[in-house]
Amino acid sequence: EYTFYRHGKKVQKNVHYFPAIVSGALLLQPEEIRDGKWLSFEEAQEQLTFEEAKKVCRKIEELTKL
């Protein structure tokens, strides 16, 4: 959960992660998502800005190596 301000209004967000093994094209809902891309775990670590997201990414990488 995190909080930020947009247009002077406080916005609270809850983030849920749904890891999956996927194939095929990346399909985005343009009304909700501005951008999306497939990344390696290493590339994702470089792109992520929130520490909690980095922890989740590292954990998923560990689990996929089992």
Protein backbone atom coordinates (compact mmCIF):
# COMPACT_ATOMS: atom_id res chain seq x y z
CA GLU A 1 0.00 0.00 0.00
CA TYR A 2 1.23 3.48 -0.77
CA THR A 3 -0.05 7.04 -0.93
CA PHE A 4 0.64 9.85 -3.39
CA TYR A 5 -0.96 13.09 -4.50
CA ARG A 6 -2.47 13.70 -7.94
CA HIS A 7 -3.89 17.10 -8.86
CA GLY A 8 -3.75 18.07 -5.18
CA LYS A 9 -5.80 15.07 -4.05
CA LYS A 10 -4.50 12.27 -1.85
CA VAL A 11 -4.61 8.88 -3.58
CA GLN A 12 -4.11 5.59 -1.73
CA LYS A 13 -3.24 2.48 -3.71
CA ASN A 14 -3.02 -1.17 -2.87
CA VAL A 15 -0.75 -3.22 -5.09
CA HIS A 16 -1.37 -6.90 -5.75
CA TYR A 17 1.10 -9.15 -7.55
CA PHE A 18 -0.01 -12.12 -9.66
CA PRO A 19 3.10 -13.93 -10.91
CA ALA A 20 2.56 -16.32 -13.79
CA ILE A 21 4.42 -18.12 -16.51
CA VAL A 22 3.12 -16.73 -19.79
CA SER A 23 3.71 -16.89 -23.51
CA GLY A 24 2.45 -14.89 -26.42
CA ALA A 25 1.83 -11.23 -26.96
CA LEU A 26 1.42 -8.68 -24.21
CA LEU A 27 -2.13 -7.29 -24.29
CA LEU A 28 -2.79 -4.02 -22.46
CA GLN A 29 -6.04 -2.31 -21.50
CA PRO A 30 -5.31 1.21 -22.83
CA GLU A 31 -7.90 2.83 -20.58
CA GLU A 32 -6.03 1.56 -17.50
CA ILE A 33 -2.42 0.91 -18.53
CA ARG A 34 -0.14 3.41 -20.25
CA ASP A 35 2.77 1.07 -21.00
CA GLY A 36 3.83 -2.52 -20.58
CA LYS A 37 6.75 -4.75 -21.55
CA TRP A 38 8.29 -8.12 -20.86
CA LEU A 39 11.58 -7.89 -18.93
CA SER A 40 14.16 -10.31 -17.62
CA PHE A 41 14.48 -10.41 -13.83
CA GLU A 42 17.70 -8.39 -14.10
CA GLU A 43 16.06 -5.74 -16.29
CA ALA A 44 13.08 -5.56 -13.94
CA GLN A 45 15.35 -4.93 -10.94
CA GLU A 46 16.91 -2.01 -12.81
CA GLN A 47 13.51 -0.52 -13.76
CA LEU A 48 11.66 -0.96 -10.46
CA THR A 49 11.67 2.02 -8.09
CA PHE A 50 9.82 0.72 -5.02
CA GLU A 51 11.83 -1.51 -2.69
CA GLU A 52 8.84 -3.74 -1.97
CA ALA A 53 8.42 -4.43 -5.71
CA LYS A 54 12.12 -5.31 -5.95
CA LYS A 55 11.73 -7.77 -3.06
CA VAL A 56 8.76 -9.41 -4.77
CA CYS A 57 10.71 -9.67 -8.03
CA ARG A 58 13.68 -11.30 -6.27
CA LYS A 59 11.40 -13.79 -4.51
CA ILE A 60 9.65 -14.75 -7.76
CA GLU A 61 13.02 -15.24 -9.43
CA GLU A 62 14.08 -17.56 -6.59
CA LEU A 63 10.86 -19.56 -6.88
CA THR A 64 11.21 -20.02 -10.64
CA LYS A 65 14.63 -21.59 -10.15
CA LEU A 66 13.27 -24.39 -7.93
